[in-house]
Amino acid sequence: MKAWHFLGTGQPLKPVDIPVPVAGPGQVLLQVGGCGLCHTDVGVLEDEGWLSTLVKLPIVMGHEVAGTITALGPEVADWQIGDRVGACPSMAVGAPGFSYDGGFAE
């Protein structure tokens, strides 16, 4: 799938093709309909002090995500494939764009 990798502060996002992720336990996979660019994203792009919020590099940023659920991981009970959802995780632990690839992708 097409995505934008963040490689480091002061560097432009890099267009890449990456494998479609698999929804893990308690997770869903979204077809991204839209993703916000927020203060955190800009901070990481411009100030190395924000790098501690990221678990890995490279990473697909974007934690303010809206889209349609396309896959359910084990232990997901309250959502169904086809549900339209929006998410804005405010914690870096386990959040898309911080701990695993986020919404700057398909």
Protein backbone atom coordinates (compact mmCIF):
# COMPACT_ATOMS: atom_id res chain seq x y z
CA MET A 1 0.00 0.00 0.00
CA LYS A 2 1.12 3.56 -0.56
CA ALA A 3 2.27 5.50 2.50
CA TRP A 4 4.51 8.35 3.66
CA HIS A 5 7.47 7.33 5.84
CA PHE A 6 8.90 9.67 8.45
CA LEU A 7 12.66 9.07 8.52
CA GLY A 8 13.85 11.83 10.83
CA THR A 9 13.43 15.40 11.98
CA GLY A 10 14.21 17.95 9.29
CA GLN A 11 13.72 15.42 6.50
CA PRO A 12 10.78 15.35 4.09
CA LEU A 13 8.29 12.48 4.31
CA LYS A 14 9.21 9.77 1.80
CA PRO A 15 6.58 8.12 -0.43
CA VAL A 16 6.87 4.33 -0.08
CA ASP A 17 5.04 1.11 -0.81
CA ILE A 18 4.67 -1.04 2.31
CA PRO A 19 2.79 -4.27 3.04
CA VAL A 20 -0.81 -3.94 4.18
CA PRO A 21 -0.75 -4.40 7.98
CA VAL A 22 -2.57 -7.20 9.78
CA ALA A 23 -4.94 -6.34 12.62
CA GLY A 24 -3.57 -7.75 15.86
CA PRO A 25 -5.44 -8.64 19.05
CA GLY A 26 -7.89 -5.88 19.96
CA GLN A 27 -7.10 -3.94 16.78
CA VAL A 28 -8.94 -3.04 13.59
CA LEU A 29 -7.57 -2.19 10.17
CA LEU A 30 -8.90 0.91 8.41
CA GLN A 31 -9.14 2.00 4.82
CA VAL A 32 -8.12 5.60 5.49
CA GLY A 33 -10.65 8.17 4.37
CA GLY A 34 -8.83 11.11 5.92
CA CYS A 35 -6.10 11.95 8.39
CA GLY A 36 -5.34 15.15 10.23
CA LEU A 37 -1.98 16.86 10.42
CA CYS A 38 -1.71 18.03 14.02
CA HIS A 39 0.72 19.86 16.29
CA THR A 40 2.40 16.59 17.29
CA ASP A 41 3.15 15.70 13.67
CA VAL A 42 4.58 19.14 12.96
CA GLY A 43 6.59 18.96 16.19
CA VAL A 44 8.22 15.68 15.19
CA LEU A 45 8.97 17.03 11.71
CA GLU A 46 10.65 20.18 13.05
CA ASP A 47 12.02 19.47 16.56
CA GLU A 48 14.12 16.46 17.60
CA GLY A 49 12.75 16.83 21.14
CA TRP A 50 9.55 15.14 19.92
CA LEU A 51 11.33 11.99 18.70
CA SER A 52 10.86 10.33 22.10
CA THR A 53 7.12 10.04 21.30
CA LEU A 54 7.87 7.54 18.50
CA VAL A 55 8.52 3.86 19.12
CA LYS A 56 10.26 3.18 15.79
CA LEU A 57 11.74 4.71 12.67
CA PRO A 58 10.82 4.75 9.91
CA ILE A 59 7.15 5.14 10.78
CA VAL A 60 3.99 6.23 9.01
CA MET A 61 2.75 9.15 11.11
CA GLY A 62 -0.87 10.20 11.49
CA HIS A 63 -2.90 9.50 14.60
CA GLU A 64 -6.01 11.57 13.79
CA VAL A 65 -7.55 9.03 11.44
CA ALA A 66 -10.99 8.46 9.94
CA GLY A 67 -11.97 5.61 7.68
CA THR A 68 -13.78 2.32 7.19
CA ILE A 69 -12.95 -0.88 9.05
CA THR A 70 -11.68 -3.52 6.59
CA ALA A 71 -10.42 -6.18 9.02
CA LEU A 72 -10.89 -7.18 12.66
CA GLY A 73 -8.19 -8.63 14.86
CA PRO A 74 -8.83 -11.30 17.48
CA GLU A 75 -10.67 -10.09 20.59
CA VAL A 76 -12.54 -7.30 18.73
CA ALA A 77 -16.21 -7.58 19.68
CA ASP A 78 -17.84 -4.15 19.38
CA TRP A 79 -16.97 -3.31 15.77
CA GLN A 80 -17.75 -4.81 12.39
CA ILE A 81 -16.18 -4.72 8.94
CA GLY A 82 -17.72 -1.79 7.09
CA ASP A 83 -18.14 0.41 10.19
CA ARG A 84 -17.06 4.00 9.55
CA VAL A 85 -14.97 5.32 12.42
CA GLY A 86 -12.75 8.16 13.54
CA ALA A 87 -9.96 7.96 16.08
CA CYS A 88 -7.74 10.49 17.79
CA PRO A 89 -5.58 8.65 20.32
CA SER A 90 -3.99 11.08 22.74
CA MET A 91 -1.45 8.63 24.15
CA ALA A 92 1.67 7.43 22.38
CA VAL A 93 1.40 3.93 23.89
CA GLY A 94 -0.21 1.69 21.32
CA ALA A 95 -1.38 4.57 19.15
CA PRO A 96 -1.18 4.67 15.36
CA GLY A 97 1.48 7.05 14.15
CA PHE A 98 3.46 6.59 17.38
CA SER A 99 3.77 2.85 18.12
CA TYR A 100 2.83 1.46 14.72
CA ASP A 101 2.08 2.85 11.28
CA GLY A 102 -0.65 5.48 11.21
CA GLY A 103 -2.97 7.29 8.86
CA PHE A 104 -0.58 8.91 6.38
CA ALA A 105 -1.29 5.86 4.20
CA GLU A 106 -4.07 4.12 2.33
